Amino acid sequence: MRVESTIKNELFLLERILIVPIIILPPVALGILAMVSRAEDSKDHKSGSTEEYPYDYLLYYPAIKCSTCRIVKPARSKHCSICNRCVLVADHHCIWINNCIGKGNYLQFYLFLISNIFSMCYAFLRLWYISLNSTNTLPRAVLTLTILCGCFTIICAIFTYLQLAIVKEGMTTNEQDKWYTIQEYMREGKLVRSLDDDCPSWFFKCTEQKDDAAEPPQDQHVTFYSTNAYDHKHYNLTHYITIKDASEIPNIYDKGTFLANLTDLI
């Protein structure tokens, strides 16, 4: 209470009755909205609808059933073990609002983040100004609160930037991890694209070599595995190319610009 009364006495009347409520209310309201807004799930999704994302045969394949929900997984969906459902265009489960972020609540989530940045930034700058210019001796808690507001402003701003940077690339947080794995295989020279029409497009190349003998490269046995994690078959490819650059790997979910990707999400 001492800190509250000290800060309150340093504020202008207009701040107390107008500016501070305007700054405080949006994060609270948007936080509640993001908490209660339910992301769409696979059970609400109608197969073949215009809202359905196509399968890219790289990260997502058709006819794959969720092992928990026992229903076919649409492209860009992910099962959340906390919410116990498959979320469409799943990004992550946010512990701060105890809700999955996905198709249907991206807008509320981003607005919640941005409103927090503005409110904490205002609090930090105002407290800093009060600390520097006050003629009264301020409690140490005011300095502590100033530092906390500054730190949380930076943390929230960086997190928001990283979230929006992913949007610019046409990805979600969940897909970012998948793309990292794909590109790791590419850097190791193990990602190939099939040129055969009767095979899925993308494979991982696995070179098997006996431990008891050093076989020449031409005698090593090469086996190919689909990038589909649910497909455990071995493939023998005759016509394929090894992917050497990320530009050779198309992301069909990238609309080309940040605004187009953001509009698609929300």
C-alpha atoms as a PDB file:
ATOM      1  CA  MET A   1       0.000   0.000   0.000  1.00  0.00           C
ATOM      2  CA  ARG A   2       2.878   2.347   0.731  1.00  0.00           C
ATOM      3  CA  VAL A   3       4.244   1.912  -2.790  1.00  0.00           C
ATOM      4  CA  GLU A   4       0.817   2.416  -4.344  1.00  0.00           C
ATOM      5  CA  SER A   5       0.144   5.610  -2.393  1.00  0.00           C
ATOM      6  CA  THR A   6       3.641   6.924  -3.140  1.00  0.00           C
ATOM      7  CA  ILE A   7       3.265   6.404  -6.894  1.00  0.00           C
ATOM      8  CA  LYS A   8      -0.308   7.695  -6.894  1.00  0.00           C
ATOM      9  CA  ASN A   9       0.780  10.959  -5.295  1.00  0.00           C
ATOM     10  CA  GLU A  10       3.364  11.467  -8.041  1.00  0.00           C
ATOM     11  CA  LEU A  11       0.860  11.055 -10.892  1.00  0.00           C
ATOM     12  CA  PHE A  12      -1.048  13.834 -12.576  1.00  0.00           C
ATOM     13  CA  LEU A  13      -4.816  13.935 -12.125  1.00  0.00           C
ATOM     14  CA  LEU A  14      -5.381  13.141 -15.826  1.00  0.00           C
ATOM     15  CA  GLU A  15      -3.191  10.056 -15.495  1.00  0.00           C
ATOM     16  CA  ARG A  16      -5.089   8.757 -12.483  1.00  0.00           C
ATOM     17  CA  ILE A  17      -8.574   9.126 -13.931  1.00  0.00           C
ATOM     18  CA  LEU A  18      -7.935   8.435 -17.628  1.00  0.00           C
ATOM     19  CA  ILE A  19      -4.495   7.333 -18.822  1.00  0.00           C
ATOM     20  CA  VAL A  20      -3.729   4.636 -16.219  1.00  0.00           C
ATOM     21  CA  PRO A  21      -7.134   2.892 -16.596  1.00  0.00           C
ATOM     22  CA  ILE A  22      -6.760   2.983 -20.394  1.00  0.00           C
ATOM     23  CA  ILE A  23      -3.283   1.436 -20.089  1.00  0.00           C
ATOM     24  CA  ILE A  24      -4.272  -1.241 -17.552  1.00  0.00           C
ATOM     25  CA  LEU A  25      -7.627  -2.456 -18.885  1.00  0.00           C
ATOM     26  CA  PRO A  26      -6.600  -3.805 -22.351  1.00  0.00           C
ATOM     27  CA  PRO A  27      -4.065  -6.407 -21.072  1.00  0.00           C
ATOM     28  CA  VAL A  28      -6.594  -7.661 -18.522  1.00  0.00           C
ATOM     29  CA  ALA A  29      -9.506  -7.766 -20.977  1.00  0.00           C
ATOM     30  CA  LEU A  30      -7.470  -9.273 -23.810  1.00  0.00           C
ATOM     31  CA  GLY A  31      -5.877 -11.783 -21.437  1.00  0.00           C
ATOM     32  CA  ILE A  32      -9.315 -13.012 -20.367  1.00  0.00           C
ATOM     33  CA  LEU A  33     -10.457 -13.066 -23.998  1.00  0.00           C
ATOM     34  CA  ALA A  34      -7.407 -15.092 -25.065  1.00  0.00           C
ATOM     35  CA  MET A  35      -8.032 -17.434 -22.146  1.00  0.00           C
ATOM     36  CA  VAL A  36     -11.659 -18.180 -23.008  1.00  0.00           C
ATOM     37  CA  SER A  37     -11.310 -18.125 -26.827  1.00  0.00           C
ATOM     38  CA  ARG A  38     -11.111 -21.732 -27.939  1.00  0.00           C
ATOM     39  CA  ALA A  39      -8.897 -22.642 -30.872  1.00  0.00           C
ATOM     40  CA  GLU A  40     -10.583 -24.790 -33.513  1.00  0.00           C
ATOM     41  CA  ASP A  41      -9.955 -28.518 -33.322  1.00  0.00           C
ATOM     42  CA  SER A  42     -10.131 -31.464 -35.714  1.00  0.00           C
ATOM     43  CA  LYS A  43     -13.621 -32.476 -34.610  1.00  0.00           C
ATOM     44  CA  ASP A  44     -14.956 -29.104 -35.780  1.00  0.00           C
ATOM     45  CA  HIS A  45     -13.123 -29.432 -39.086  1.00  0.00           C
ATOM     46  CA  LYS A  46     -14.996 -30.607 -42.163  1.00  0.00           C
ATOM     47  CA  SER A  47     -12.845 -32.600 -44.558  1.00  0.00           C
ATOM     48  CA  GLY A  48     -12.790 -31.104 -48.042  1.00  0.00           C
ATOM     49  CA  SER A  49     -13.920 -27.655 -46.917  1.00  0.00           C
ATOM     50  CA  THR A  50     -12.453 -24.484 -48.392  1.00  0.00           C
ATOM     51  CA  GLU A  51     -10.773 -23.790 -45.039  1.00  0.00           C
ATOM     52  CA  GLU A  52      -8.798 -27.016 -45.223  1.00  0.00           C
ATOM     53  CA  TYR A  53      -5.039 -26.687 -45.737  1.00  0.00           C
ATOM     54  CA  PRO A  54      -3.511 -28.977 -48.370  1.00  0.00           C
ATOM     55  CA  TYR A  55      -1.035 -31.668 -47.358  1.00  0.00           C
ATOM     56  CA  ASP A  56       2.501 -30.800 -48.434  1.00  0.00           C
ATOM     57  CA  TYR A  57       3.843 -34.393 -48.347  1.00  0.00           C
ATOM     58  CA  LEU A  58       6.840 -33.099 -46.429  1.00  0.00           C
ATOM     59  CA  LEU A  59       5.605 -32.225 -42.937  1.00  0.00           C
ATOM     60  CA  TYR A  60       2.028 -33.437 -43.314  1.00  0.00           C
ATOM     61  CA  TYR A  61       0.544 -36.480 -45.012  1.00  0.00           C
ATOM     62  CA  PRO A  62      -3.097 -37.522 -45.580  1.00  0.00           C
ATOM     63  CA  ALA A  63      -4.908 -40.433 -43.928  1.00  0.00           C
ATOM     64  CA  ILE A  64      -2.907 -40.133 -40.701  1.00  0.00           C
ATOM     65  CA  LYS A  65      -4.982 -40.731 -37.583  1.00  0.00           C
ATOM     66  CA  CYS A  66      -4.255 -39.144 -34.229  1.00  0.00           C
ATOM     67  CA  SER A  67      -3.294 -41.965 -31.856  1.00  0.00           C
ATOM     68  CA  THR A  68      -5.309 -40.329 -29.056  1.00  0.00           C
ATOM     69  CA  CYS A  69      -8.344 -38.769 -30.777  1.00  0.00           C
ATOM     70  CA  ARG A  70      -8.569 -41.594 -33.337  1.00  0.00           C
ATOM     71  CA  ILE A  71      -9.615 -39.200 -36.098  1.00  0.00           C
ATOM     72  CA  VAL A  72      -7.785 -38.187 -39.278  1.00  0.00           C
ATOM     73  CA  LYS A  73      -5.357 -35.338 -38.636  1.00  0.00           C
ATOM     74  CA  PRO A  74      -5.846 -32.312 -40.916  1.00  0.00           C
ATOM     75  CA  ALA A  75      -2.729 -30.616 -42.253  1.00  0.00           C
ATOM     76  CA  ARG A  76      -1.088 -28.232 -39.751  1.00  0.00           C
ATOM     77  CA  SER A  77      -2.857 -29.793 -36.765  1.00  0.00           C
ATOM     78  CA  LYS A  78      -1.266 -31.078 -33.561  1.00  0.00           C
ATOM     79  CA  HIS A  79      -2.588 -32.985 -30.570  1.00  0.00           C
ATOM     80  CA  CYS A  80      -2.298 -31.150 -27.252  1.00  0.00           C
ATOM     81  CA  SER A  81      -1.904 -33.553 -24.338  1.00  0.00           C
ATOM     82  CA  ILE A  82      -2.962 -30.842 -21.863  1.00  0.00           C
ATOM     83  CA  CYS A  83      -6.200 -29.895 -23.646  1.00  0.00           C
ATOM     84  CA  ASN A  84      -6.635 -33.483 -24.902  1.00  0.00           C
ATOM     85  CA  ARG A  85      -7.636 -32.490 -28.428  1.00  0.00           C
ATOM     86  CA  CYS A  86      -6.119 -31.896 -31.863  1.00  0.00           C
ATOM     87  CA  VAL A  87      -5.744 -28.172 -32.501  1.00  0.00           C
ATOM     88  CA  LEU A  88      -5.882 -26.742 -36.030  1.00  0.00           C
ATOM     89  CA  VAL A  89      -2.864 -24.668 -37.108  1.00  0.00           C
ATOM     90  CA  ALA A  90      -1.451 -25.368 -33.650  1.00  0.00           C
ATOM     91  CA  ASP A  91       1.274 -23.043 -32.406  1.00  0.00           C
ATOM     92  CA  HIS A  92       1.794 -23.959 -28.739  1.00  0.00           C
ATOM     93  CA  HIS A  93       0.014 -24.363 -25.417  1.00  0.00           C
ATOM     94  CA  CYS A  94       0.437 -21.092 -23.529  1.00  0.00           C
ATOM     95  CA  ILE A  95       0.846 -21.662 -19.785  1.00  0.00           C
ATOM     96  CA  TRP A  96       0.137 -17.988 -19.010  1.00  0.00           C
ATOM     97  CA  ILE A  97      -3.435 -18.158 -20.312  1.00  0.00           C
ATOM     98  CA  ASN A  98      -3.775 -21.950 -19.948  1.00  0.00           C
ATOM     99  CA  ASN A  99      -5.007 -22.307 -23.501  1.00  0.00           C
ATOM    100  CA  CYS A 100      -3.850 -23.657 -26.832  1.00  0.00           C
ATOM    101  CA  ILE A 101      -2.912 -21.071 -29.437  1.00  0.00           C
ATOM    102  CA  GLY A 102      -4.220 -22.056 -32.848  1.00  0.00           C
ATOM    103  CA  LYS A 103      -6.754 -21.289 -35.559  1.00  0.00           C
ATOM    104  CA  GLY A 104      -9.416 -19.099 -33.994  1.00  0.00           C
ATOM    105  CA  ASN A 105      -7.504 -17.262 -31.261  1.00  0.00           C
ATOM    106  CA  TYR A 106      -4.282 -16.001 -32.845  1.00  0.00           C
ATOM    107  CA  LEU A 107      -5.634 -12.433 -33.003  1.00  0.00           C
ATOM    108  CA  GLN A 108      -6.568 -12.376 -29.316  1.00  0.00           C
ATOM    109  CA  PHE A 109      -3.166 -13.797 -28.363  1.00  0.00           C
ATOM    110  CA  TYR A 110      -1.148 -11.291 -30.409  1.00  0.00           C
ATOM    111  CA  LEU A 111      -3.211  -8.349 -29.133  1.00  0.00           C
ATOM    112  CA  PHE A 112      -2.695  -9.607 -25.581  1.00  0.00           C
ATOM    113  CA  LEU A 113       1.080  -9.621 -26.101  1.00  0.00           C
ATOM    114  CA  ILE A 114       1.176  -6.173 -27.701  1.00  0.00           C
ATOM    115  CA  SER A 115      -1.033  -4.613 -25.011  1.00  0.00           C
ATOM    116  CA  ASN A 116       1.284  -6.014 -22.334  1.00  0.00           C
ATOM    117  CA  ILE A 117       4.288  -4.444 -24.030  1.00  0.00           C
ATOM    118  CA  PHE A 118       2.657  -1.015 -24.105  1.00  0.00           C
ATOM    119  CA  SER A 119       1.388  -1.178 -20.516  1.00  0.00           C
ATOM    120  CA  MET A 120       4.697  -2.355 -19.048  1.00  0.00           C
ATOM    121  CA  CYS A 121       6.690   0.090 -21.171  1.00  0.00           C
ATOM    122  CA  TYR A 122       4.523   2.965 -19.930  1.00  0.00           C
ATOM    123  CA  ALA A 123       4.905   1.795 -16.321  1.00  0.00           C
ATOM    124  CA  PHE A 124       8.689   1.521 -16.666  1.00  0.00           C
ATOM    125  CA  LEU A 125       9.132   4.958 -18.253  1.00  0.00           C
ATOM    126  CA  ARG A 126       6.763   6.648 -15.811  1.00  0.00           C
ATOM    127  CA  LEU A 127       8.361   5.047 -12.754  1.00  0.00           C
ATOM    128  CA  TRP A 128      11.810   5.907 -14.054  1.00  0.00           C
ATOM    129  CA  TYR A 129      10.771   9.527 -14.509  1.00  0.00           C
ATOM    130  CA  ILE A 130       9.303   9.613 -10.987  1.00  0.00           C
ATOM    131  CA  SER A 131      12.487   8.105  -9.508  1.00  0.00           C
ATOM    132  CA  LEU A 132      14.678  10.696 -11.212  1.00  0.00           C
ATOM    133  CA  ASN A 133      12.570  13.771 -10.536  1.00  0.00           C
ATOM    134  CA  SER A 134      10.780  13.155  -7.248  1.00  0.00           C
ATOM    135  CA  THR A 135      11.668  15.533  -4.409  1.00  0.00           C
ATOM    136  CA  ASN A 136      10.541  12.946  -1.848  1.00  0.00           C
ATOM    137  CA  THR A 137      12.442   9.912  -0.632  1.00  0.00           C
ATOM    138  CA  LEU A 138      10.949   6.929  -2.433  1.00  0.00           C
ATOM    139  CA  PRO A 139      10.736   3.396  -0.999  1.00  0.00           C
ATOM    140  CA  ARG A 140      13.189   0.856  -2.401  1.00  0.00           C
ATOM    141  CA  ALA A 141      10.218  -1.108  -3.670  1.00  0.00           C
ATOM    142  CA  VAL A 142       9.641   1.618  -6.275  1.00  0.00           C
ATOM    143  CA  LEU A 143      13.104   0.959  -7.720  1.00  0.00           C
ATOM    144  CA  THR A 144      12.420  -2.785  -7.657  1.00  0.00           C
ATOM    145  CA  LEU A 145       9.121  -2.282  -9.460  1.00  0.00           C
ATOM    146  CA  THR A 146      10.827  -0.060 -12.060  1.00  0.00           C
ATOM    147  CA  ILE A 147      13.444  -2.724 -12.783  1.00  0.00           C
ATOM    148  CA  LEU A 148      10.811  -5.467 -13.008  1.00  0.00           C
ATOM    149  CA  CYS A 149       8.674  -3.456 -15.434  1.00  0.00           C
ATOM    150  CA  GLY A 150      11.729  -2.771 -17.603  1.00  0.00           C
ATOM    151  CA  CYS A 151      12.799  -6.423 -17.624  1.00  0.00           C
ATOM    152  CA  PHE A 152       9.330  -7.740 -18.435  1.00  0.00           C
ATOM    153  CA  THR A 153       8.949  -5.154 -21.199  1.00  0.00           C
ATOM    154  CA  ILE A 154      12.115  -6.453 -22.855  1.00  0.00           C
ATOM    155  CA  ILE A 155      11.179 -10.114 -22.364  1.00  0.00           C
ATOM    156  CA  CYS A 156       7.654  -9.664 -23.718  1.00  0.00           C
ATOM    157  CA  ALA A 157       8.899  -7.571 -26.658  1.00  0.00           C
ATOM    158  CA  ILE A 158      11.478 -10.196 -27.645  1.00  0.00           C
ATOM    159  CA  PHE A 159       8.937 -13.021 -27.352  1.00  0.00           C
ATOM    160  CA  THR A 160       6.404 -11.075 -29.445  1.00  0.00           C
ATOM    161  CA  TYR A 161       9.055 -10.340 -32.082  1.00  0.00           C
ATOM    162  CA  LEU A 162       9.987 -14.030 -32.294  1.00  0.00           C
ATOM    163  CA  GLN A 163       6.328 -15.016 -32.612  1.00  0.00           C
ATOM    164  CA  LEU A 164       5.729 -12.539 -35.431  1.00  0.00           C
ATOM    165  CA  ALA A 165       9.016 -13.493 -37.125  1.00  0.00           C
ATOM    166  CA  ILE A 166       7.704 -17.053 -37.377  1.00  0.00           C
ATOM    167  CA  VAL A 167       4.503 -15.719 -38.945  1.00  0.00           C
ATOM    168  CA  LYS A 168       6.595 -13.897 -41.560  1.00  0.00           C
ATOM    169  CA  GLU A 169       8.137 -17.230 -42.574  1.00  0.00           C
ATOM    170  CA  GLY A 170       4.713 -18.852 -42.937  1.00  0.00           C
ATOM    171  CA  MET A 171       5.222 -21.173 -39.979  1.00  0.00           C
ATOM    172  CA  THR A 172       3.933 -21.882 -36.491  1.00  0.00           C
ATOM    173  CA  THR A 173       6.073 -22.650 -33.436  1.00  0.00           C
ATOM    174  CA  ASN A 174       5.190 -26.314 -33.861  1.00  0.00           C
ATOM    175  CA  GLU A 175       6.197 -26.273 -37.540  1.00  0.00           C
ATOM    176  CA  GLN A 176       9.405 -24.383 -36.817  1.00  0.00           C
ATOM    177  CA  ASP A 177      10.725 -27.422 -34.933  1.00  0.00           C
ATOM    178  CA  LYS A 178       9.763 -29.682 -37.846  1.00  0.00           C
ATOM    179  CA  TRP A 179      11.488 -27.408 -40.361  1.00  0.00           C
ATOM    180  CA  TYR A 180      14.611 -27.380 -38.192  1.00  0.00           C
ATOM    181  CA  THR A 181      14.752 -31.182 -38.349  1.00  0.00           C
ATOM    182  CA  ILE A 182      14.224 -31.166 -42.121  1.00  0.00           C
ATOM    183  CA  GLN A 183      17.010 -28.631 -42.650  1.00  0.00           C
ATOM    184  CA  GLU A 184      19.370 -30.533 -40.348  1.00  0.00           C
ATOM    185  CA  TYR A 185      18.993 -33.572 -42.602  1.00  0.00           C
ATOM    186  CA  MET A 186      19.574 -31.312 -45.606  1.00  0.00           C
ATOM    187  CA  ARG A 187      22.820 -29.964 -44.113  1.00  0.00           C
ATOM    188  CA  GLU A 188      23.977 -33.542 -43.544  1.00  0.00           C
ATOM    189  CA  GLY A 189      23.200 -34.393 -47.185  1.00  0.00           C
ATOM    190  CA  LYS A 190      20.470 -36.863 -46.199  1.00  0.00           C
ATOM    191  CA  LEU A 191      17.376 -35.122 -47.583  1.00  0.00           C
ATOM    192  CA  VAL A 192      16.358 -36.189 -51.088  1.00  0.00           C
ATOM    193  CA  ARG A 193      13.445 -35.560 -53.406  1.00  0.00           C
ATOM    194  CA  SER A 194      12.133 -38.427 -55.484  1.00  0.00           C
ATOM    195  CA  LEU A 195      11.693 -37.971 -59.226  1.00  0.00           C
ATOM    196  CA  ASP A 196       9.516 -41.093 -59.476  1.00  0.00           C
ATOM    197  CA  ASP A 197       5.816 -40.351 -59.943  1.00  0.00           C
ATOM    198  CA  ASP A 198       4.676 -43.406 -57.966  1.00  0.00           C
ATOM    199  CA  CYS A 199       6.502 -42.401 -54.758  1.00  0.00           C
ATOM    200  CA  PRO A 200       5.999 -39.653 -52.183  1.00  0.00           C
ATOM    201  CA  SER A 201       8.273 -36.715 -52.877  1.00  0.00           C
ATOM    202  CA  TRP A 202      10.551 -36.404 -49.841  1.00  0.00           C
ATOM    203  CA  PHE A 203      12.821 -38.939 -48.180  1.00  0.00           C
ATOM    204  CA  PHE A 204      15.667 -39.267 -45.704  1.00  0.00           C
ATOM    205  CA  LYS A 205      18.694 -41.130 -47.025  1.00  0.00           C
ATOM    206  CA  CYS A 206      20.285 -43.649 -44.682  1.00  0.00           C
ATOM    207  CA  THR A 207      23.617 -45.219 -45.616  1.00  0.00           C
ATOM    208  CA  GLU A 208      24.222 -48.582 -43.961  1.00  0.00           C
ATOM    209  CA  GLN A 209      27.790 -49.740 -43.482  1.00  0.00           C
ATOM    210  CA  LYS A 210      29.091 -52.888 -41.774  1.00  0.00           C
ATOM    211  CA  ASP A 211      31.218 -52.352 -38.697  1.00  0.00           C
ATOM    212  CA  ASP A 212      33.681 -55.136 -39.485  1.00  0.00           C
ATOM    213  CA  ALA A 213      34.741 -53.839 -42.887  1.00  0.00           C
ATOM    214  CA  ALA A 214      35.332 -50.526 -44.543  1.00  0.00           C
ATOM    215  CA  GLU A 215      33.260 -50.730 -47.677  1.00  0.00           C
ATOM    216  CA  PRO A 216      33.943 -48.464 -50.620  1.00  0.00           C
ATOM    217  CA  PRO A 217      31.208 -45.819 -51.143  1.00  0.00           C
ATOM    218  CA  GLN A 218      29.812 -47.532 -54.222  1.00  0.00           C
ATOM    219  CA  ASP A 219      29.246 -50.760 -52.244  1.00  0.00           C
ATOM    220  CA  GLN A 220      27.415 -49.155 -49.335  1.00  0.00           C
ATOM    221  CA  HIS A 221      23.723 -49.989 -49.069  1.00  0.00           C
ATOM    222  CA  VAL A 222      21.445 -46.949 -49.192  1.00  0.00           C
ATOM    223  CA  THR A 223      17.927 -47.085 -47.750  1.00  0.00           C
ATOM    224  CA  PHE A 224      15.339 -44.332 -47.971  1.00  0.00           C
ATOM    225  CA  TYR A 225      12.695 -43.472 -45.393  1.00  0.00           C
ATOM    226  CA  SER A 226       9.725 -41.205 -45.932  1.00  0.00           C
ATOM    227  CA  THR A 227       9.596 -37.895 -44.059  1.00  0.00           C
ATOM    228  CA  ASN A 228       6.217 -39.159 -42.871  1.00  0.00           C
ATOM    229  CA  ALA A 229       6.919 -40.184 -39.265  1.00  0.00           C
ATOM    230  CA  TYR A 230       4.067 -42.721 -39.432  1.00  0.00           C
ATOM    231  CA  ASP A 231       5.487 -44.498 -42.490  1.00  0.00           C
ATOM    232  CA  HIS A 232       8.101 -47.054 -41.419  1.00  0.00           C
ATOM    233  CA  LYS A 233       8.585 -48.725 -44.804  1.00  0.00           C
ATOM    234  CA  HIS A 234      11.950 -48.911 -46.559  1.00  0.00           C
ATOM    235  CA  TYR A 235      12.083 -47.395 -50.030  1.00  0.00           C
ATOM    236  CA  ASN A 236      14.511 -48.056 -52.869  1.00  0.00           C
ATOM    237  CA  LEU A 237      14.773 -45.018 -55.114  1.00  0.00           C
ATOM    238  CA  THR A 238      16.417 -44.969 -58.502  1.00  0.00           C
ATOM    239  CA  HIS A 239      15.666 -41.428 -59.597  1.00  0.00           C
ATOM    240  CA  TYR A 240      16.187 -38.734 -56.995  1.00  0.00           C
ATOM    241  CA  ILE A 241      18.123 -35.568 -56.252  1.00  0.00           C
ATOM    242  CA  THR A 242      19.891 -34.633 -53.035  1.00  0.00           C
ATOM    243  CA  ILE A 243      18.699 -31.317 -51.611  1.00  0.00           C
ATOM    244  CA  LYS A 244      21.593 -28.957 -50.907  1.00  0.00           C
ATOM    245  CA  ASP A 245      19.885 -25.618 -50.290  1.00  0.00           C
ATOM    246  CA  ALA A 246      16.852 -24.549 -48.260  1.00  0.00           C
ATOM    247  CA  SER A 247      15.488 -22.672 -51.281  1.00  0.00           C
ATOM    248  CA  GLU A 248      14.849 -26.066 -52.905  1.00  0.00           C
ATOM    249  CA  ILE A 249      12.379 -26.977 -50.137  1.00  0.00           C
ATOM    250  CA  PRO A 250       9.009 -25.321 -50.758  1.00  0.00           C
ATOM    251  CA  ASN A 251       6.802 -24.127 -47.919  1.00  0.00           C
ATOM    252  CA  ILE A 252       3.332 -24.182 -49.439  1.00  0.00           C
ATOM    253  CA  TYR A 253       1.876 -22.491 -46.360  1.00  0.00           C
ATOM    254  CA  ASP A 254       3.954 -19.342 -46.846  1.00  0.00           C
ATOM    255  CA  LYS A 255       1.808 -16.730 -48.614  1.00  0.00           C
ATOM    256  CA  GLY A 256       4.836 -14.578 -49.431  1.00  0.00           C
ATOM    257  CA  THR A 257       4.405 -11.616 -47.079  1.00  0.00           C
ATOM    258  CA  PHE A 258       3.993 -11.085 -43.352  1.00  0.00           C
ATOM    259  CA  LEU A 259       0.586  -9.450 -43.776  1.00  0.00           C
ATOM    260  CA  ALA A 260      -0.722 -12.264 -45.984  1.00  0.00           C
ATOM    261  CA  ASN A 261       0.455 -14.922 -43.524  1.00  0.00           C
ATOM    262  CA  LEU A 262      -1.010 -13.030 -40.563  1.00  0.00           C
ATOM    263  CA  THR A 263      -4.340 -12.599 -42.336  1.00  0.00           C
ATOM    264  CA  ASP A 264      -4.390 -16.314 -43.110  1.00  0.00           C
ATOM    265  CA  LEU A 265      -3.856 -17.184 -39.436  1.00  0.00           C
ATOM    266  CA  ILE A 266      -6.449 -14.881 -37.948  1.00  0.00           C
END
